[in-house]
């Protein structure tokens, strides 16, 4: 199936359904094919437990009022007392 860009804008959901059903869907610009809609295969994404375990540990005072004041002073450009 081939359709022009203007037609594809109003028929996108039908074109996607056709591509999901295995039909060859081509979108053309002034009759010249420019893109093809294809079904994206399921990605095999497997999480690895402990991927962040090698990161350095935060200091115990990472969220202290003094640390927050220093960060705020850095962001605003003011002096930290």
PDB file of N, CA and C in Angstrom:
ATOM      1  N   UNK A   1       0.847  -1.165   0.000  1.00  0.00           N
ATOM      2  CA  UNK A   1       0.000   0.000   0.000  1.00  0.00           C
ATOM      3  C   UNK A   1       0.894   1.229   0.000  1.00  0.00           C
ATOM      4  N   UNK A   2       0.566   2.191  -0.831  1.00  0.00           N
ATOM      5  CA  UNK A   2       1.309   3.444  -0.877  1.00  0.00           C
ATOM      6  C   UNK A   2       0.318   4.592  -0.797  1.00  0.00           C
ATOM      7  N   UNK A   3       0.644   5.611  -0.004  1.00  0.00           N
ATOM      8  CA  UNK A   3      -0.202   6.807   0.046  1.00  0.00           C
ATOM      9  C   UNK A   3       0.690   8.027   0.204  1.00  0.00           C
ATOM     10  N   UNK A   4       0.158   9.170  -0.166  1.00  0.00           N
ATOM     11  CA  UNK A   4       0.905  10.413  -0.065  1.00  0.00           C
ATOM     12  C   UNK A   4       0.867  10.928   1.370  1.00  0.00           C
ATOM     13  N   UNK A   5       1.776  11.816   1.680  1.00  0.00           N
ATOM     14  CA  UNK A   5       1.906  12.342   3.034  1.00  0.00           C
ATOM     15  C   UNK A   5       0.603  12.965   3.515  1.00  0.00           C
ATOM     16  N   UNK A   6      -0.063  13.743   2.678  1.00  0.00           N
ATOM     17  CA  UNK A   6      -1.303  14.393   3.101  1.00  0.00           C
ATOM     18  C   UNK A   6      -2.369  13.368   3.466  1.00  0.00           C
ATOM     19  N   UNK A   7      -2.464  12.286   2.704  1.00  0.00           N
ATOM     20  CA  UNK A   7      -3.416  11.228   3.027  1.00  0.00           C
ATOM     21  C   UNK A   7      -2.995  10.490   4.294  1.00  0.00           C
ATOM     22  N   UNK A   8      -1.697  10.316   4.471  1.00  0.00           N
ATOM     23  CA  UNK A   8      -1.190   9.582   5.628  1.00  0.00           C
ATOM     24  C   UNK A   8      -1.501  10.312   6.929  1.00  0.00           C
ATOM     25  N   UNK A   9      -1.536  11.637   6.886  1.00  0.00           N
ATOM     26  CA  UNK A   9      -1.839  12.400   8.092  1.00  0.00           C
ATOM     27  C   UNK A   9      -3.228  12.080   8.615  1.00  0.00           C
ATOM     28  N   UNK A  10      -4.169  11.919   7.738  1.00  0.00           N
ATOM     29  CA  UNK A  10      -5.539  11.655   8.178  1.00  0.00           C
ATOM     30  C   UNK A  10      -5.823  10.163   8.361  1.00  0.00           C
ATOM     31  N   UNK A  11      -4.938   9.300   7.874  1.00  0.00           N
ATOM     32  CA  UNK A  11      -5.170   7.860   7.939  1.00  0.00           C
ATOM     33  C   UNK A  11      -4.088   7.126   8.729  1.00  0.00           C
ATOM     34  N   UNK A  12      -3.402   7.820   9.607  1.00  0.00           N
ATOM     35  CA  UNK A  12      -2.256   7.214  10.278  1.00  0.00           C
ATOM     36  C   UNK A  12      -2.631   5.959  11.049  1.00  0.00           C
ATOM     37  N   UNK A  13      -3.717   5.978  11.791  1.00  0.00           N
ATOM     38  CA  UNK A  13      -4.065   4.797  12.574  1.00  0.00           C
ATOM     39  C   UNK A  13      -4.352   3.597  11.672  1.00  0.00           C
ATOM     40  N   UNK A  14      -4.990   3.807  10.525  1.00  0.00           N
ATOM     41  CA  UNK A  14      -5.248   2.702   9.594  1.00  0.00           C
ATOM     42  C   UNK A  14      -3.938   2.191   8.980  1.00  0.00           C
ATOM     43  N   UNK A  15      -3.026   3.101   8.683  1.00  0.00           N
ATOM     44  CA  UNK A  15      -1.745   2.702   8.116  1.00  0.00           C
ATOM     45  C   UNK A  15      -0.921   1.903   9.124  1.00  0.00           C
ATOM     46  N   UNK A  16      -0.971   2.321  10.378  1.00  0.00           N
ATOM     47  CA  UNK A  16      -0.254   1.586  11.421  1.00  0.00           C
ATOM     48  C   UNK A  16      -0.840   0.192  11.575  1.00  0.00           C
ATOM     49  N   UNK A  17      -2.155   0.084  11.589  1.00  0.00           N
ATOM     50  CA  UNK A  17      -2.792  -1.227  11.699  1.00  0.00           C
ATOM     51  C   UNK A  17      -2.415  -2.122  10.517  1.00  0.00           C
ATOM     52  N   UNK A  18      -2.335  -1.537   9.327  1.00  0.00           N
ATOM     53  CA  UNK A  18      -1.945  -2.315   8.153  1.00  0.00           C
ATOM     54  C   UNK A  18      -0.506  -2.802   8.291  1.00  0.00           C
ATOM     55  N   UNK A  19       0.377  -1.941   8.784  1.00  0.00           N
ATOM     56  CA  UNK A  19       1.770  -2.343   8.969  1.00  0.00           C
ATOM     57  C   UNK A  19       1.881  -3.432  10.032  1.00  0.00           C
ATOM     58  N   UNK A  20       1.100  -3.325  11.096  1.00  0.00           N
ATOM     59  CA  UNK A  20       1.102  -4.347  12.141  1.00  0.00           C
ATOM     60  C   UNK A  20       0.598  -5.687  11.619  1.00  0.00           C
ATOM     61  N   UNK A  21      -0.302  -5.630  10.635  1.00  0.00           N
ATOM     62  CA  UNK A  21      -0.839  -6.853  10.042  1.00  0.00           C
ATOM     63  C   UNK A  21       0.120  -7.468   9.032  1.00  0.00           C
ATOM     64  N   UNK A  22       1.256  -6.806   8.795  1.00  0.00           N
ATOM     65  CA  UNK A  22       2.254  -7.353   7.883  1.00  0.00           C
ATOM     66  C   UNK A  22       2.220  -6.775   6.487  1.00  0.00           C
ATOM     67  N   UNK A  23       1.339  -5.816   6.248  1.00  0.00           N
ATOM     68  CA  UNK A  23       1.249  -5.208   4.923  1.00  0.00           C
ATOM     69  C   UNK A  23       2.399  -4.219   4.724  1.00  0.00           C
ATOM     70  N   UNK A  24       2.882  -4.111   3.498  1.00  0.00           N
ATOM     71  CA  UNK A  24       3.937  -3.164   3.157  1.00  0.00           C
ATOM     72  C   UNK A  24       3.299  -1.791   2.996  1.00  0.00           C
ATOM     73  N   UNK A  25       3.641  -0.847   3.885  1.00  0.00           N
ATOM     74  CA  UNK A  25       3.060   0.497   3.858  1.00  0.00           C
ATOM     75  C   UNK A  25       4.158   1.489   3.520  1.00  0.00           C
ATOM     76  N   UNK A  26       3.983   2.206   2.417  1.00  0.00           N
ATOM     77  CA  UNK A  26       4.951   3.191   1.958  1.00  0.00           C
ATOM     78  C   UNK A  26       4.270   4.543   1.900  1.00  0.00           C
ATOM     79  N   UNK A  27       4.941   5.563   2.446  1.00  0.00           N
ATOM     80  CA  UNK A  27       4.429   6.926   2.381  1.00  0.00           C
ATOM     81  C   UNK A  27       5.269   7.689   1.362  1.00  0.00           C
ATOM     82  N   UNK A  28       4.572   8.355   0.454  1.00  0.00           N
ATOM     83  CA  UNK A  28       5.246   9.038  -0.650  1.00  0.00           C
ATOM     84  C   UNK A  28       5.058  10.544  -0.552  1.00  0.00           C
ATOM     85  N   UNK A  29       5.987  11.260  -1.158  1.00  0.00           N
ATOM     86  CA  UNK A  29       5.898  12.708  -1.260  1.00  0.00           C
ATOM     87  C   UNK A  29       5.821  13.036  -2.742  1.00  0.00           C
ATOM     88  N   UNK A  30       4.669  13.537  -3.184  1.00  0.00           N
ATOM     89  CA  UNK A  30       4.420  13.813  -4.598  1.00  0.00           C
ATOM     90  C   UNK A  30       4.629  12.572  -5.458  1.00  0.00           C
ATOM     91  N   UNK A  31       4.194  11.429  -4.944  1.00  0.00           N
ATOM     92  CA  UNK A  31       4.286  10.182  -5.691  1.00  0.00           C
ATOM     93  C   UNK A  31       5.623   9.472  -5.608  1.00  0.00           C
ATOM     94  N   UNK A  32       6.598  10.080  -4.923  1.00  0.00           N
ATOM     95  CA  UNK A  32       7.919   9.477  -4.785  1.00  0.00           C
ATOM     96  C   UNK A  32       8.019   8.859  -3.385  1.00  0.00           C
ATOM     97  N   UNK A  33       8.217   7.551  -3.286  1.00  0.00           N
ATOM     98  CA  UNK A  33       8.299   6.906  -1.976  1.00  0.00           C
ATOM     99  C   UNK A  33       9.438   7.483  -1.138  1.00  0.00           C
ATOM    100  N   UNK A  34       9.129   7.827   0.113  1.00  0.00           N
ATOM    101  CA  UNK A  34      10.159   8.400   0.982  1.00  0.00           C
ATOM    102  C   UNK A  34      10.353   7.617   2.282  1.00  0.00           C
ATOM    103  N   UNK A  35       9.298   7.016   2.829  1.00  0.00           N
ATOM    104  CA  UNK A  35       9.448   6.236   4.063  1.00  0.00           C
ATOM    105  C   UNK A  35       8.581   4.987   3.996  1.00  0.00           C
ATOM    106  N   UNK A  36       8.938   4.016   4.830  1.00  0.00           N
ATOM    107  CA  UNK A  36       8.176   2.775   4.927  1.00  0.00           C
ATOM    108  C   UNK A  36       7.834   2.553   6.392  1.00  0.00           C
ATOM    109  N   UNK A  37       6.587   2.219   6.666  1.00  0.00           N
ATOM    110  CA  UNK A  37       6.170   1.866   8.016  1.00  0.00           C
ATOM    111  C   UNK A  37       6.416   0.380   8.218  1.00  0.00           C
ATOM    112  N   UNK A  38       7.117   0.061   9.297  1.00  0.00           N
ATOM    113  CA  UNK A  38       7.377  -1.336   9.611  1.00  0.00           C
ATOM    114  C   UNK A  38       7.083  -1.573  11.083  1.00  0.00           C
ATOM    115  N   UNK A  39       6.707  -2.793  11.393  1.00  0.00           N
ATOM    116  CA  UNK A  39       6.449  -3.190  12.765  1.00  0.00           C
ATOM    117  C   UNK A  39       7.783  -3.321  13.496  1.00  0.00           C
ATOM    118  N   UNK A  40       7.842  -2.755  14.677  1.00  0.00           N
ATOM    119  CA  UNK A  40       9.040  -2.862  15.495  1.00  0.00           C
ATOM    120  C   UNK A  40       8.950  -4.159  16.281  1.00  0.00           C
ATOM    121  N   UNK A  41       9.987  -4.968  16.143  1.00  0.00           N
ATOM    122  CA  UNK A  41      10.005  -6.237  16.857  1.00  0.00           C
ATOM    123  C   UNK A  41      10.235  -5.985  18.338  1.00  0.00           C
ATOM    124  N   UNK A  42       9.750  -6.881  19.162  1.00  0.00           N
ATOM    125  CA  UNK A  42       9.880  -6.748  20.609  1.00  0.00           C
ATOM    126  C   UNK A  42      11.362  -6.725  20.981  1.00  0.00           C
ATOM    127  N   UNK A  43      11.726  -5.727  21.777  1.00  0.00           N
ATOM    128  CA  UNK A  43      13.096  -5.596  22.230  1.00  0.00           C
ATOM    129  C   UNK A  43      13.334  -6.520  23.414  1.00  0.00           C
ATOM    130  N   UNK A  44      14.456  -7.202  23.421  1.00  0.00           N
ATOM    131  CA  UNK A  44      14.813  -8.065  24.533  1.00  0.00           C
ATOM    132  C   UNK A  44      15.660  -7.250  25.503  1.00  0.00           C
ATOM    133  N   UNK A  45      14.984  -6.609  26.444  1.00  0.00           N
ATOM    134  CA  UNK A  45      15.669  -5.770  27.414  1.00  0.00           C
ATOM    135  C   UNK A  45      15.646  -6.497  28.754  1.00  0.00           C
ATOM    136  N   UNK A  46      16.789  -6.885  29.187  1.00  0.00           N
ATOM    137  CA  UNK A  46      16.888  -7.565  30.472  1.00  0.00           C
ATOM    138  C   UNK A  46      17.709  -6.713  31.422  1.00  0.00           C
ATOM    139  N   UNK A  47      17.159  -6.518  32.579  1.00  0.00           N
ATOM    140  CA  UNK A  47      17.842  -5.728  33.590  1.00  0.00           C
ATOM    141  C   UNK A  47      18.879  -6.585  34.299  1.00  0.00           C
ATOM    142  N   UNK A  48      19.985  -5.964  34.644  1.00  0.00           N
ATOM    143  CA  UNK A  48      21.011  -6.640  35.414  1.00  0.00           C
ATOM    144  C   UNK A  48      20.967  -6.095  36.841  1.00  0.00           C
ATOM    145  N   UNK A  49      20.569  -6.902  37.784  1.00  0.00           N
ATOM    146  CA  UNK A  49      20.554  -6.426  39.165  1.00  0.00           C
ATOM    147  C   UNK A  49      21.952  -6.005  39.605  1.00  0.00           C
ATOM    148  N   UNK A  50      22.015  -4.918  40.344  1.00  0.00           N
ATOM    149  CA  UNK A  50      23.291  -4.451  40.868  1.00  0.00           C
ATOM    150  C   UNK A  50      24.108  -3.639  39.895  1.00  0.00           C
ATOM    151  N   UNK A  51      23.496  -3.169  38.813  1.00  0.00           N
ATOM    152  CA  UNK A  51      24.250  -2.415  37.808  1.00  0.00           C
ATOM    153  C   UNK A  51      24.832  -1.125  38.388  1.00  0.00           C
ATOM    154  N   UNK A  52      24.203  -0.581  39.429  1.00  0.00           N
ATOM    155  CA  UNK A  52      24.683   0.666  40.021  1.00  0.00           C
ATOM    156  C   UNK A  52      25.536   0.420  41.256  1.00  0.00           C
ATOM    157  N   UNK A  53      25.804  -0.822  41.598  1.00  0.00           N
ATOM    158  CA  UNK A  53      26.520  -1.119  42.836  1.00  0.00           C
ATOM    159  C   UNK A  53      27.957  -0.610  42.824  1.00  0.00           C
ATOM    160  N   UNK A  54      28.538  -0.406  41.659  1.00  0.00           N
ATOM    161  CA  UNK A  54      29.925   0.053  41.570  1.00  0.00           C
ATOM    162  C   UNK A  54      30.048   1.578  41.683  1.00  0.00           C
ATOM    163  N   UNK A  55      28.917   2.279  41.713  1.00  0.00           N
ATOM    164  CA  UNK A  55      28.980   3.735  41.837  1.00  0.00           C
ATOM    165  C   UNK A  55      29.484   4.116  43.223  1.00  0.00           C
ATOM    166  N   UNK A  56      30.165   5.259  43.332  1.00  0.00           N
ATOM    167  CA  UNK A  56      30.643   5.667  44.656  1.00  0.00           C
ATOM    168  C   UNK A  56      29.471   5.955  45.587  1.00  0.00           C
ATOM    169  N   UNK A  57      29.676   5.645  46.843  1.00  0.00           N
ATOM    170  CA  UNK A  57      28.638   5.876  47.847  1.00  0.00           C
ATOM    171  C   UNK A  57      28.580   7.358  48.192  1.00  0.00           C
ATOM    172  N   UNK A  58      27.378   7.844  48.490  1.00  0.00           N
ATOM    173  CA  UNK A  58      27.198   9.249  48.863  1.00  0.00           C
ATOM    174  C   UNK A  58      27.702   9.476  50.280  1.00  0.00           C
ATOM    175  N   UNK A  59      28.219  10.672  50.523  1.00  0.00           N
ATOM    176  CA  UNK A  59      28.645  11.038  51.871  1.00  0.00           C
ATOM    177  C   UNK A  59      27.436  11.050  52.798  1.00  0.00           C
ATOM    178  N   UNK A  60      27.625  10.772  54.059  1.00  0.00           N
ATOM    179  CA  UNK A  60      26.493  10.761  54.992  1.00  0.00           C
ATOM    180  C   UNK A  60      25.796  12.118  55.102  1.00  0.00           C
ATOM    181  N   UNK A  61      26.532  13.210  54.855  1.00  0.00           N
ATOM    182  CA  UNK A  61      25.933  14.546  54.979  1.00  0.00           C
ATOM    183  C   UNK A  61      25.544  15.136  53.625  1.00  0.00           C
ATOM    184  N   UNK A  62      25.272  14.285  52.645  1.00  0.00           N
ATOM    185  CA  UNK A  62      24.995  14.767  51.298  1.00  0.00           C
ATOM    186  C   UNK A  62      23.756  15.664  51.247  1.00  0.00           C
ATOM    187  N   UNK A  63      22.837  15.522  52.186  1.00  0.00           N
ATOM    188  CA  UNK A  63      21.600  16.320  52.174  1.00  0.00           C
ATOM    189  C   UNK A  63      21.498  17.229  53.403  1.00  0.00           C
ATOM    190  N   UNK A  64      22.642  17.631  53.929  1.00  0.00           N
ATOM    191  CA  UNK A  64      22.631  18.493  55.108  1.00  0.00           C
ATOM    192  C   UNK A  64      22.261  19.924  54.704  1.00  0.00           C
ATOM    193  N   UNK A  65      21.776  20.710  55.643  1.00  0.00           N
ATOM    194  CA  UNK A  65      21.451  22.108  55.326  1.00  0.00           C
ATOM    195  C   UNK A  65      22.655  22.887  54.794  1.00  0.00           C
ATOM    196  N   UNK A  66      23.855  22.587  55.307  1.00  0.00           N
ATOM    197  CA  UNK A  66      25.039  23.306  54.835  1.00  0.00           C
ATOM    198  C   UNK A  66      25.341  22.959  53.381  1.00  0.00           C
ATOM    199  N   UNK A  67      25.208  21.677  53.031  1.00  0.00           N
ATOM    200  CA  UNK A  67      25.443  21.261  51.646  1.00  0.00           C
ATOM    201  C   UNK A  67      24.410  21.886  50.720  1.00  0.00           C
ATOM    202  N   UNK A  68      23.143  21.890  51.137  1.00  0.00           N
ATOM    203  CA  UNK A  68      22.091  22.501  50.324  1.00  0.00           C
ATOM    204  C   UNK A  68      22.320  23.990  50.143  1.00  0.00           C
ATOM    205  N   UNK A  69      22.780  24.679  51.186  1.00  0.00           N
ATOM    206  CA  UNK A  69      23.057  26.112  51.083  1.00  0.00           C
ATOM    207  C   UNK A  69      24.212  26.364  50.121  1.00  0.00           C
ATOM    208  N   UNK A  70      25.219  25.513  50.154  1.00  0.00           N
ATOM    209  CA  UNK A  70      26.355  25.671  49.244  1.00  0.00           C
ATOM    210  C   UNK A  70      25.926  25.460  47.801  1.00  0.00           C
ATOM    211  N   UNK A  71      25.073  24.482  47.559  1.00  0.00           N
ATOM    212  CA  UNK A  71      24.570  24.236  46.207  1.00  0.00           C
ATOM    213  C   UNK A  71      23.729  25.410  45.740  1.00  0.00           C
ATOM    214  N   UNK A  72      22.849  25.918  46.604  1.00  0.00           N
ATOM    215  CA  UNK A  72      22.008  27.065  46.245  1.00  0.00           C
ATOM    216  C   UNK A  72      22.863  28.286  45.937  1.00  0.00           C
ATOM    217  N   UNK A  73      23.920  28.512  46.716  1.00  0.00           N
ATOM    218  CA  UNK A  73      24.812  29.645  46.464  1.00  0.00           C
ATOM    219  C   UNK A  73      25.518  29.490  45.129  1.00  0.00           C
ATOM    220  N   UNK A  74      25.911  28.263  44.797  1.00  0.00           N
ATOM    221  CA  UNK A  74      26.573  28.007  43.518  1.00  0.00           C
ATOM    222  C   UNK A  74      25.642  28.280  42.356  1.00  0.00           C
ATOM    223  N   UNK A  75      24.380  27.858  42.483  1.00  0.00           N
ATOM    224  CA  UNK A  75      23.411  28.038  41.400  1.00  0.00           C
ATOM    225  C   UNK A  75      23.042  29.501  41.206  1.00  0.00           C
ATOM    226  N   UNK A  76      22.819  30.197  42.315  1.00  0.00           N
ATOM    227  CA  UNK A  76      22.376  31.596  42.212  1.00  0.00           C
ATOM    228  C   UNK A  76      23.508  32.571  42.012  1.00  0.00           C
ATOM    229  N   UNK A  77      24.751  32.123  42.238  1.00  0.00           N
ATOM    230  CA  UNK A  77      25.893  33.008  42.048  1.00  0.00           C
ATOM    231  C   UNK A  77      26.172  33.870  43.267  1.00  0.00           C
ATOM    232  N   UNK A  78      25.492  33.603  44.367  1.00  0.00           N
ATOM    233  CA  UNK A  78      25.735  34.370  45.573  1.00  0.00           C
ATOM    234  C   UNK A  78      26.861  33.715  46.358  1.00  0.00           C
ATOM    235  N   UNK A  79      27.311  34.418  47.400  1.00  0.00           N
ATOM    236  CA  UNK A  79      28.396  33.885  48.216  1.00  0.00           C
ATOM    237  C   UNK A  79      27.842  32.993  49.306  1.00  0.00           C
ATOM    238  N   UNK A  80      28.554  31.929  49.559  1.00  0.00           N
ATOM    239  CA  UNK A  80      28.161  30.996  50.612  1.00  0.00           C
ATOM    240  C   UNK A  80      28.781  31.494  51.915  1.00  0.00           C
ATOM    241  N   UNK A  81      27.973  31.668  52.954  1.00  0.00           N
ATOM    242  CA  UNK A  81      28.519  32.217  54.219  1.00  0.00           C
ATOM    243  C   UNK A  81      29.429  31.259  54.925  1.00  0.00           C
TER     244      UNK A  81
END
